[in-house]
Amino acid sequence: DLMNLEYINLSNCHDLERLPESFVNLSNLEHIDLSGCHNLERLPNSFRNLKKLKYLDVEGCSNLIIDRFEIIQISANLPVAHQSQLEQLYE
């Protein structure tokens, strides 16, 4: 049952441009690895609703567009170490 999924590794999926909005229905996700997804452009608008998210790796997502408000919303649940990755995307 995907609803109970806690960990997903999509690292180095070079053709991945967007995650589907339905991705946020995986409410038990704690760990998401999107590192190396060079063509990833956006995260779903409701990504901030993943309340159990503790780890988000977006290192190497050079085309990811994210605004300051999204960073604040997403990083509210993340440890400080992982917030810096998001802040670097904004700069």
PDB file of N, CA and C in Angstrom:
ATOM      1  N   ASP A   1       0.841  -1.180   0.000  1.00  0.00           N
ATOM      2  CA  ASP A   1       0.000   0.000   0.000  1.00  0.00           C
ATOM      3  C   ASP A   1       0.888   1.246   0.000  1.00  0.00           C
ATOM      4  N   LEU A   2       0.804   2.035  -1.036  1.00  0.00           N
ATOM      5  CA  LEU A   2       1.649   3.221  -1.166  1.00  0.00           C
ATOM      6  C   LEU A   2       1.346   4.294  -0.125  1.00  0.00           C
ATOM      7  N   MET A   3       0.165   4.285   0.433  1.00  0.00           N
ATOM      8  CA  MET A   3      -0.184   5.288   1.436  1.00  0.00           C
ATOM      9  C   MET A   3       0.683   5.166   2.680  1.00  0.00           C
ATOM     10  N   ASN A   4       1.275   3.999   2.898  1.00  0.00           N
ATOM     11  CA  ASN A   4       2.133   3.781   4.061  1.00  0.00           C
ATOM     12  C   ASN A   4       3.616   3.979   3.744  1.00  0.00           C
ATOM     13  N   LEU A   5       3.919   4.390   2.533  1.00  0.00           N
ATOM     14  CA  LEU A   5       5.300   4.588   2.109  1.00  0.00           C
ATOM     15  C   LEU A   5       5.963   5.684   2.949  1.00  0.00           C
ATOM     16  N   GLU A   6       7.129   5.368   3.520  1.00  0.00           N
ATOM     17  CA  GLU A   6       7.851   6.327   4.354  1.00  0.00           C
ATOM     18  C   GLU A   6       9.115   6.850   3.677  1.00  0.00           C
ATOM     19  N   TYR A   7       9.648   6.119   2.712  1.00  0.00           N
ATOM     20  CA  TYR A   7      10.931   6.461   2.090  1.00  0.00           C
ATOM     21  C   TYR A   7      10.797   6.294   0.582  1.00  0.00           C
ATOM     22  N   ILE A   8      11.255   7.296  -0.150  1.00  0.00           N
ATOM     23  CA  ILE A   8      11.269   7.168  -1.603  1.00  0.00           C
ATOM     24  C   ILE A   8      12.575   7.770  -2.131  1.00  0.00           C
ATOM     25  N   ASN A   9      13.214   7.016  -3.006  1.00  0.00           N
ATOM     26  CA  ASN A   9      14.472   7.452  -3.603  1.00  0.00           C
ATOM     27  C   ASN A   9      14.269   7.577  -5.109  1.00  0.00           C
ATOM     28  N   LEU A  10      14.233   8.802  -5.576  1.00  0.00           N
ATOM     29  CA  LEU A  10      14.108   9.088  -7.008  1.00  0.00           C
ATOM     30  C   LEU A  10      15.383   9.746  -7.527  1.00  0.00           C
ATOM     31  N   SER A  11      16.476   9.559  -6.803  1.00  0.00           N
ATOM     32  CA  SER A  11      17.729  10.217  -7.174  1.00  0.00           C
ATOM     33  C   SER A  11      18.169   9.822  -8.581  1.00  0.00           C
ATOM     34  N   ASN A  12      18.748  10.786  -9.256  1.00  0.00           N
ATOM     35  CA  ASN A  12      19.293  10.615 -10.603  1.00  0.00           C
ATOM     36  C   ASN A  12      18.266  10.199 -11.647  1.00  0.00           C
ATOM     37  N   CYS A  13      17.007  10.568 -11.437  1.00  0.00           N
ATOM     38  CA  CYS A  13      15.973  10.377 -12.465  1.00  0.00           C
ATOM     39  C   CYS A  13      16.053  11.597 -13.385  1.00  0.00           C
ATOM     40  N   HIS A  14      16.934  11.523 -14.354  1.00  0.00           N
ATOM     41  CA  HIS A  14      17.267  12.683 -15.177  1.00  0.00           C
ATOM     42  C   HIS A  14      16.110  13.185 -16.034  1.00  0.00           C
ATOM     43  N   ASP A  15      15.121  12.359 -16.311  1.00  0.00           N
ATOM     44  CA  ASP A  15      13.987  12.794 -17.120  1.00  0.00           C
ATOM     45  C   ASP A  15      12.846  13.365 -16.278  1.00  0.00           C
ATOM     46  N   LEU A  16      12.977  13.309 -14.966  1.00  0.00           N
ATOM     47  CA  LEU A  16      11.926  13.794 -14.070  1.00  0.00           C
ATOM     48  C   LEU A  16      11.907  15.318 -14.076  1.00  0.00           C
ATOM     49  N   GLU A  17      10.781  15.908 -14.510  1.00  0.00           N
ATOM     50  CA  GLU A  17      10.638  17.360 -14.539  1.00  0.00           C
ATOM     51  C   GLU A  17       9.727  17.866 -13.433  1.00  0.00           C
ATOM     52  N   ARG A  18       8.733  17.068 -13.100  1.00  0.00           N
ATOM     53  CA  ARG A  18       7.766  17.453 -12.064  1.00  0.00           C
ATOM     54  C   ARG A  18       7.281  16.213 -11.333  1.00  0.00           C
ATOM     55  N   LEU A  19       6.948  16.417 -10.076  1.00  0.00           N
ATOM     56  CA  LEU A  19       6.287  15.366  -9.317  1.00  0.00           C
ATOM     57  C   LEU A  19       4.789  15.607  -9.442  1.00  0.00           C
ATOM     58  N   PRO A  20       3.997  14.574  -9.550  1.00  0.00           N
ATOM     59  CA  PRO A  20       2.551  14.784  -9.661  1.00  0.00           C
ATOM     60  C   PRO A  20       1.984  15.354  -8.361  1.00  0.00           C
ATOM     61  N   GLU A  21       0.923  16.143  -8.466  1.00  0.00           N
ATOM     62  CA  GLU A  21       0.263  16.692  -7.273  1.00  0.00           C
ATOM     63  C   GLU A  21      -0.163  15.576  -6.324  1.00  0.00           C
ATOM     64  N   SER A  22      -0.523  14.426  -6.876  1.00  0.00           N
ATOM     65  CA  SER A  22      -0.974  13.304  -6.043  1.00  0.00           C
ATOM     66  C   SER A  22       0.140  12.771  -5.144  1.00  0.00           C
ATOM     67  N   PHE A  23       1.369  13.166  -5.406  1.00  0.00           N
ATOM     68  CA  PHE A  23       2.514  12.752  -4.597  1.00  0.00           C
ATOM     69  C   PHE A  23       2.301  13.107  -3.128  1.00  0.00           C
ATOM     70  N   VAL A  24       1.631  14.213  -2.877  1.00  0.00           N
ATOM     71  CA  VAL A  24       1.426  14.658  -1.501  1.00  0.00           C
ATOM     72  C   VAL A  24       0.383  13.830  -0.763  1.00  0.00           C
ATOM     73  N   ASN A  25      -0.301  12.954  -1.467  1.00  0.00           N
ATOM     74  CA  ASN A  25      -1.228  12.038  -0.796  1.00  0.00           C
ATOM     75  C   ASN A  25      -0.486  10.957  -0.029  1.00  0.00           C
ATOM     76  N   LEU A  26       0.806  10.873  -0.238  1.00  0.00           N
ATOM     77  CA  LEU A  26       1.639   9.909   0.486  1.00  0.00           C
ATOM     78  C   LEU A  26       2.007  10.542   1.827  1.00  0.00           C
ATOM     79  N   SER A  27       1.030  10.669   2.677  1.00  0.00           N
ATOM     80  CA  SER A  27       1.148  11.467   3.898  1.00  0.00           C
ATOM     81  C   SER A  27       2.114  10.912   4.933  1.00  0.00           C
ATOM     82  N   ASN A  28       2.569   9.678   4.772  1.00  0.00           N
ATOM     83  CA  ASN A  28       3.509   9.094   5.729  1.00  0.00           C
ATOM     84  C   ASN A  28       4.966   9.249   5.307  1.00  0.00           C
ATOM     85  N   LEU A  29       5.203   9.927   4.186  1.00  0.00           N
ATOM     86  CA  LEU A  29       6.578  10.103   3.715  1.00  0.00           C
ATOM     87  C   LEU A  29       7.416  10.873   4.730  1.00  0.00           C
ATOM     88  N   GLU A  30       8.553  10.303   5.074  1.00  0.00           N
ATOM     89  CA  GLU A  30       9.500  10.937   5.988  1.00  0.00           C
ATOM     90  C   GLU A  30      10.804  11.296   5.283  1.00  0.00           C
ATOM     91  N   HIS A  31      11.122  10.592   4.207  1.00  0.00           N
ATOM     92  CA  HIS A  31      12.423  10.736   3.545  1.00  0.00           C
ATOM     93  C   HIS A  31      12.205  10.743   2.030  1.00  0.00           C
ATOM     94  N   ILE A  32      12.638  11.817   1.381  1.00  0.00           N
ATOM     95  CA  ILE A  32      12.532  11.926  -0.077  1.00  0.00           C
ATOM     96  C   ILE A  32      13.900  12.310  -0.626  1.00  0.00           C
ATOM     97  N   ASP A  33      14.418  11.485  -1.511  1.00  0.00           N
ATOM     98  CA  ASP A  33      15.708  11.768  -2.141  1.00  0.00           C
ATOM     99  C   ASP A  33      15.472  12.087  -3.611  1.00  0.00           C
ATOM    100  N   LEU A  34      15.664  13.344  -3.960  1.00  0.00           N
ATOM    101  CA  LEU A  34      15.522  13.809  -5.343  1.00  0.00           C
ATOM    102  C   LEU A  34      16.866  14.273  -5.899  1.00  0.00           C
ATOM    103  N   SER A  35      17.943  13.930  -5.216  1.00  0.00           N
ATOM    104  CA  SER A  35      19.268  14.408  -5.621  1.00  0.00           C
ATOM    105  C   SER A  35      19.607  13.965  -7.039  1.00  0.00           C
ATOM    106  N   GLY A  36      20.246  14.855  -7.761  1.00  0.00           N
ATOM    107  CA  GLY A  36      20.682  14.539  -9.112  1.00  0.00           C
ATOM    108  C   GLY A  36      19.584  14.554 -10.157  1.00  0.00           C
ATOM    109  N   CYS A  37      18.395  15.000  -9.794  1.00  0.00           N
ATOM    110  CA  CYS A  37      17.296  15.115 -10.772  1.00  0.00           C
ATOM    111  C   CYS A  37      17.449  16.470 -11.471  1.00  0.00           C
ATOM    112  N   HIS A  38      18.384  16.540 -12.400  1.00  0.00           N
ATOM    113  CA  HIS A  38      18.797  17.794 -13.028  1.00  0.00           C
ATOM    114  C   HIS A  38      17.665  18.523 -13.745  1.00  0.00           C
ATOM    115  N   ASN A  39      16.669  17.805 -14.215  1.00  0.00           N
ATOM    116  CA  ASN A  39      15.583  18.438 -14.961  1.00  0.00           C
ATOM    117  C   ASN A  39      14.355  18.738 -14.113  1.00  0.00           C
ATOM    118  N   LEU A  40      14.413  18.409 -12.831  1.00  0.00           N
ATOM    119  CA  LEU A  40      13.289  18.709 -11.942  1.00  0.00           C
ATOM    120  C   LEU A  40      13.129  20.220 -11.847  1.00  0.00           C
ATOM    121  N   GLU A  41      11.926  20.708 -12.178  1.00  0.00           N
ATOM    122  CA  GLU A  41      11.684  22.148 -12.226  1.00  0.00           C
ATOM    123  C   GLU A  41      10.876  22.662 -11.046  1.00  0.00           C
ATOM    124  N   ARG A  42       9.932  21.864 -10.575  1.00  0.00           N
ATOM    125  CA  ARG A  42       9.041  22.334  -9.511  1.00  0.00           C
ATOM    126  C   ARG A  42       8.661  21.192  -8.588  1.00  0.00           C
ATOM    127  N   LEU A  43       8.320  21.576  -7.369  1.00  0.00           N
ATOM    128  CA  LEU A  43       7.724  20.647  -6.419  1.00  0.00           C
ATOM    129  C   LEU A  43       6.224  20.915  -6.429  1.00  0.00           C
ATOM    130  N   PRO A  44       5.405  19.930  -6.115  1.00  0.00           N
ATOM    131  CA  PRO A  44       3.959  20.172  -6.087  1.00  0.00           C
ATOM    132  C   PRO A  44       3.616  21.313  -5.126  1.00  0.00           C
ATOM    133  N   ASN A  45       2.586  22.083  -5.459  1.00  0.00           N
ATOM    134  CA  ASN A  45       2.168  23.205  -4.618  1.00  0.00           C
ATOM    135  C   ASN A  45       1.851  22.776  -3.196  1.00  0.00           C
ATOM    136  N   SER A  46       1.306  21.609  -3.050  1.00  0.00           N
ATOM    137  CA  SER A  46       0.894  21.145  -1.724  1.00  0.00           C
ATOM    138  C   SER A  46       1.975  20.318  -1.030  1.00  0.00           C
ATOM    139  N   PHE A  47       3.205  20.413  -1.493  1.00  0.00           N
ATOM    140  CA  PHE A  47       4.321  19.664  -0.917  1.00  0.00           C
ATOM    141  C   PHE A  47       4.476  19.958   0.575  1.00  0.00           C
ATOM    142  N   ARG A  48       4.162  21.179   0.956  1.00  0.00           N
ATOM    143  CA  ARG A  48       4.283  21.579   2.362  1.00  0.00           C
ATOM    144  C   ARG A  48       3.329  20.816   3.275  1.00  0.00           C
ATOM    145  N   ASN A  49       2.367  20.114   2.705  1.00  0.00           N
ATOM    146  CA  ASN A  49       1.411  19.342   3.504  1.00  0.00           C
ATOM    147  C   ASN A  49       1.963  18.000   3.963  1.00  0.00           C
ATOM    148  N   LEU A  50       3.168  17.678   3.564  1.00  0.00           N
ATOM    149  CA  LEU A  50       3.801  16.433   4.018  1.00  0.00           C
ATOM    150  C   LEU A  50       4.344  16.669   5.426  1.00  0.00           C
ATOM    151  N   LYS A  51       3.484  16.557   6.402  1.00  0.00           N
ATOM    152  CA  LYS A  51       3.804  16.919   7.786  1.00  0.00           C
ATOM    153  C   LYS A  51       4.847  16.021   8.430  1.00  0.00           C
ATOM    154  N   LYS A  52       5.004  14.798   7.955  1.00  0.00           N
ATOM    155  CA  LYS A  52       5.960  13.866   8.559  1.00  0.00           C
ATOM    156  C   LYS A  52       7.340  13.934   7.912  1.00  0.00           C
ATOM    157  N   LEU A  53       7.481  14.759   6.891  1.00  0.00           N
ATOM    158  CA  LEU A  53       8.742  14.850   6.164  1.00  0.00           C
ATOM    159  C   LEU A  53       9.870  15.339   7.067  1.00  0.00           C
ATOM    160  N   LYS A  54      10.931  14.533   7.139  1.00  0.00           N
ATOM    161  CA  LYS A  54      12.088  14.867   7.971  1.00  0.00           C
ATOM    162  C   LYS A  54      13.350  15.059   7.138  1.00  0.00           C
ATOM    163  N   TYR A  55      13.338  14.568   5.920  1.00  0.00           N
ATOM    164  CA  TYR A  55      14.540  14.619   5.083  1.00  0.00           C
ATOM    165  C   TYR A  55      14.131  14.855   3.641  1.00  0.00           C
ATOM    166  N   LEU A  56      14.701  15.862   3.035  1.00  0.00           N
ATOM    167  CA  LEU A  56      14.465  16.161   1.625  1.00  0.00           C
ATOM    168  C   LEU A  56      15.806  16.512   1.003  1.00  0.00           C
ATOM    169  N   ASP A  57      16.257  15.692   0.063  1.00  0.00           N
ATOM    170  CA  ASP A  57      17.538  15.930  -0.599  1.00  0.00           C
ATOM    171  C   ASP A  57      17.273  16.416  -2.017  1.00  0.00           C
ATOM    172  N   VAL A  58      17.643  17.655  -2.284  1.00  0.00           N
ATOM    173  CA  VAL A  58      17.483  18.240  -3.617  1.00  0.00           C
ATOM    174  C   VAL A  58      18.832  18.687  -4.180  1.00  0.00           C
ATOM    175  N   GLU A  59      19.905  18.117  -3.660  1.00  0.00           N
ATOM    176  CA  GLU A  59      21.246  18.458  -4.141  1.00  0.00           C
ATOM    177  C   GLU A  59      21.375  18.092  -5.621  1.00  0.00           C
ATOM    178  N   GLY A  60      21.886  19.005  -6.400  1.00  0.00           N
ATOM    179  CA  GLY A  60      22.080  18.747  -7.823  1.00  0.00           C
ATOM    180  C   GLY A  60      20.835  18.953  -8.665  1.00  0.00           C
ATOM    181  N   CYS A  61      19.782  19.496  -8.071  1.00  0.00           N
ATOM    182  CA  CYS A  61      18.557  19.802  -8.830  1.00  0.00           C
ATOM    183  C   CYS A  61      18.691  21.229  -9.362  1.00  0.00           C
ATOM    184  N   SER A  62      19.547  21.399 -10.342  1.00  0.00           N
ATOM    185  CA  SER A  62      19.949  22.728 -10.808  1.00  0.00           C
ATOM    186  C   SER A  62      18.836  23.508 -11.503  1.00  0.00           C
ATOM    187  N   ASN A  63      17.789  22.851 -11.966  1.00  0.00           N
ATOM    188  CA  ASN A  63      16.690  23.550 -12.633  1.00  0.00           C
ATOM    189  C   ASN A  63      15.485  23.762 -11.733  1.00  0.00           C
ATOM    190  N   LEU A  64      15.600  23.357 -10.478  1.00  0.00           N
ATOM    191  CA  LEU A  64      14.479  23.484  -9.546  1.00  0.00           C
ATOM    192  C   LEU A  64      14.234  24.953  -9.221  1.00  0.00           C
ATOM    193  N   ILE A  65      13.006  25.385  -9.457  1.00  0.00           N
ATOM    194  CA  ILE A  65      12.599  26.756  -9.171  1.00  0.00           C
ATOM    195  C   ILE A  65      11.745  26.721  -7.912  1.00  0.00           C
ATOM    196  N   ILE A  66      12.157  27.512  -6.946  1.00  0.00           N
ATOM    197  CA  ILE A  66      11.423  27.538  -5.684  1.00  0.00           C
ATOM    198  C   ILE A  66      11.505  28.960  -5.141  1.00  0.00           C
ATOM    199  N   ASP A  67      10.389  29.468  -4.627  1.00  0.00           N
ATOM    200  CA  ASP A  67      10.434  30.827  -4.089  1.00  0.00           C
ATOM    201  C   ASP A  67      10.581  30.802  -2.570  1.00  0.00           C
ATOM    202  N   ARG A  68      10.861  31.944  -2.009  1.00  0.00           N
ATOM    203  CA  ARG A  68      11.143  32.064  -0.572  1.00  0.00           C
ATOM    204  C   ARG A  68       9.975  31.529   0.268  1.00  0.00           C
ATOM    205  N   PHE A  69       8.742  31.817  -0.117  1.00  0.00           N
ATOM    206  CA  PHE A  69       7.579  31.351   0.642  1.00  0.00           C
ATOM    207  C   PHE A  69       7.526  29.827   0.669  1.00  0.00           C
ATOM    208  N   GLU A  70       7.791  29.198  -0.472  1.00  0.00           N
ATOM    209  CA  GLU A  70       7.798  27.735  -0.524  1.00  0.00           C
ATOM    210  C   GLU A  70       8.872  27.160   0.389  1.00  0.00           C
ATOM    211  N   ILE A  71      10.024  27.801   0.427  1.00  0.00           N
ATOM    212  CA  ILE A  71      11.106  27.332   1.290  1.00  0.00           C
ATOM    213  C   ILE A  71      10.658  27.344   2.743  1.00  0.00           C
ATOM    214  N   ILE A  72      10.033  28.423   3.152  1.00  0.00           N
ATOM    215  CA  ILE A  72       9.569  28.535   4.536  1.00  0.00           C
ATOM    216  C   ILE A  72       8.543  27.458   4.839  1.00  0.00           C
ATOM    217  N   GLN A  73       7.600  27.254   3.933  1.00  0.00           N
ATOM    218  CA  GLN A  73       6.548  26.265   4.155  1.00  0.00           C
ATOM    219  C   GLN A  73       7.097  24.847   4.219  1.00  0.00           C
ATOM    220  N   ILE A  74       7.963  24.494   3.300  1.00  0.00           N
ATOM    221  CA  ILE A  74       8.509  23.135   3.245  1.00  0.00           C
ATOM    222  C   ILE A  74       9.457  22.881   4.405  1.00  0.00           C
ATOM    223  N   SER A  75      10.285  23.850   4.713  1.00  0.00           N
ATOM    224  CA  SER A  75      11.328  23.629   5.712  1.00  0.00           C
ATOM    225  C   SER A  75      10.822  23.666   7.146  1.00  0.00           C
ATOM    226  N   ALA A  76       9.581  24.015   7.351  1.00  0.00           N
ATOM    227  CA  ALA A  76       9.048  24.081   8.713  1.00  0.00           C
ATOM    228  C   ALA A  76       9.216  22.769   9.464  1.00  0.00           C
ATOM    229  N   ASN A  77       9.149  21.651   8.763  1.00  0.00           N
ATOM    230  CA  ASN A  77       9.248  20.342   9.403  1.00  0.00           C
ATOM    231  C   ASN A  77      10.627  19.714   9.297  1.00  0.00           C
ATOM    232  N   LEU A  78      11.531  20.336   8.555  1.00  0.00           N
ATOM    233  CA  LEU A  78      12.830  19.721   8.296  1.00  0.00           C
ATOM    234  C   LEU A  78      13.878  20.150   9.311  1.00  0.00           C
ATOM    235  N   PRO A  79      14.804  19.251   9.628  1.00  0.00           N
ATOM    236  CA  PRO A  79      15.928  19.632  10.484  1.00  0.00           C
ATOM    237  C   PRO A  79      16.749  20.736   9.820  1.00  0.00           C
ATOM    238  N   VAL A  80      17.422  21.512  10.614  1.00  0.00           N
ATOM    239  CA  VAL A  80      18.190  22.655  10.119  1.00  0.00           C
ATOM    240  C   VAL A  80      19.184  22.257   9.032  1.00  0.00           C
ATOM    241  N   ALA A  81      19.812  21.114   9.156  1.00  0.00           N
ATOM    242  CA  ALA A  81      20.820  20.678   8.186  1.00  0.00           C
ATOM    243  C   ALA A  81      20.251  20.594   6.780  1.00  0.00           C
ATOM    244  N   HIS A  82      18.992  20.248   6.650  1.00  0.00           N
ATOM    245  CA  HIS A  82      18.395  20.081   5.327  1.00  0.00           C
ATOM    246  C   HIS A  82      17.767  21.373   4.816  1.00  0.00           C
ATOM    247  N   GLN A  83      17.519  22.323   5.700  1.00  0.00           N
ATOM    248  CA  GLN A  83      16.957  23.599   5.274  1.00  0.00           C
ATOM    249  C   GLN A  83      17.944  24.371   4.414  1.00  0.00           C
ATOM    250  N   SER A  84      19.227  24.229   4.685  1.00  0.00           N
ATOM    251  CA  SER A  84      20.228  24.997   3.943  1.00  0.00           C
ATOM    252  C   SER A  84      20.225  24.644   2.459  1.00  0.00           C
ATOM    253  N   GLN A  85      19.934  23.395   2.121  1.00  0.00           N
ATOM    254  CA  GLN A  85      19.850  23.008   0.703  1.00  0.00           C
ATOM    255  C   GLN A  85      18.753  23.799   0.009  1.00  0.00           C
ATOM    256  N   LEU A  86      17.615  23.949   0.671  1.00  0.00           N
ATOM    257  CA  LEU A  86      16.508  24.688   0.081  1.00  0.00           C
ATOM    258  C   LEU A  86      16.861  26.164  -0.054  1.00  0.00           C
ATOM    259  N   GLU A  87      17.502  26.717   0.948  1.00  0.00           N
ATOM    260  CA  GLU A  87      17.865  28.127   0.899  1.00  0.00           C
ATOM    261  C   GLU A  87      18.857  28.407  -0.223  1.00  0.00           C
ATOM    262  N   GLN A  88      19.740  27.480  -0.519  1.00  0.00           N
ATOM    263  CA  GLN A  88      20.697  27.657  -1.610  1.00  0.00           C
ATOM    264  C   GLN A  88      19.993  27.719  -2.957  1.00  0.00           C
ATOM    265  N   LEU A  89      18.859  27.047  -3.092  1.00  0.00           N
ATOM    266  CA  LEU A  89      18.110  27.081  -4.345  1.00  0.00           C
ATOM    267  C   LEU A  89      17.558  28.470  -4.605  1.00  0.00           C
ATOM    268  N   TYR A  90      17.218  29.163  -3.539  1.00  0.00           N
ATOM    269  CA  TYR A  90      16.628  30.491  -3.679  1.00  0.00           C
ATOM    270  C   TYR A  90      17.671  31.527  -4.068  1.00  0.00           C
ATOM    271  N   GLU A  91      18.873  31.376  -3.590  1.00  0.00           N
ATOM    272  CA  GLU A  91      19.918  32.379  -3.795  1.00  0.00           C
ATOM    273  C   GLU A  91      20.395  32.431  -5.234  1.00  0.00           C
TER     274      GLU A  91
END
